[in-house]
């Protein structure tokens, strides 16, 4: 299950709407080992295409170096589909190389609504997962006696 803050969902959807009719793409980084998406990082779709996305290789290298320096990993890798449902294409599956990441797809094919879905993609096998949208990570998952690990 992907647990994600509402403000991050809003950022992803807004990015997808801004870049429509081209696909939008990006990453939400989080602390290594936490499975908690925290830092929204919109990326440029180097392909500038309505049917395909591609991270610029130089931007991707800088992103991974930055995440490494912060002790982060790509918890969510997202992109949009502009004319089809929010489901990974064969190309999406073939490029999925982060088995621990949540692959989020947003469809902007309908102007007034959007689809927001999350998948795990491991060795070419796609598994859809539930998405829980929360206002804060404090108390999500662990119960009311938990304490936040960030002030």
Foldseek 3Di string as FASTA:
>chain_A
DQEAAPVLVVVQVVQCVVLPLAKWKFFFKDAPPPLYGDRTGTADQPVSHSADGDGDPVVVVVVVVVCVVVNIDRQEIEMEHEQDAFDDDQVNLVPDDDQNHWYWYWYCPDPPDIDIWTWGRDPSDTDTDDYHYHNDPVQPPPHDVDDDPPD
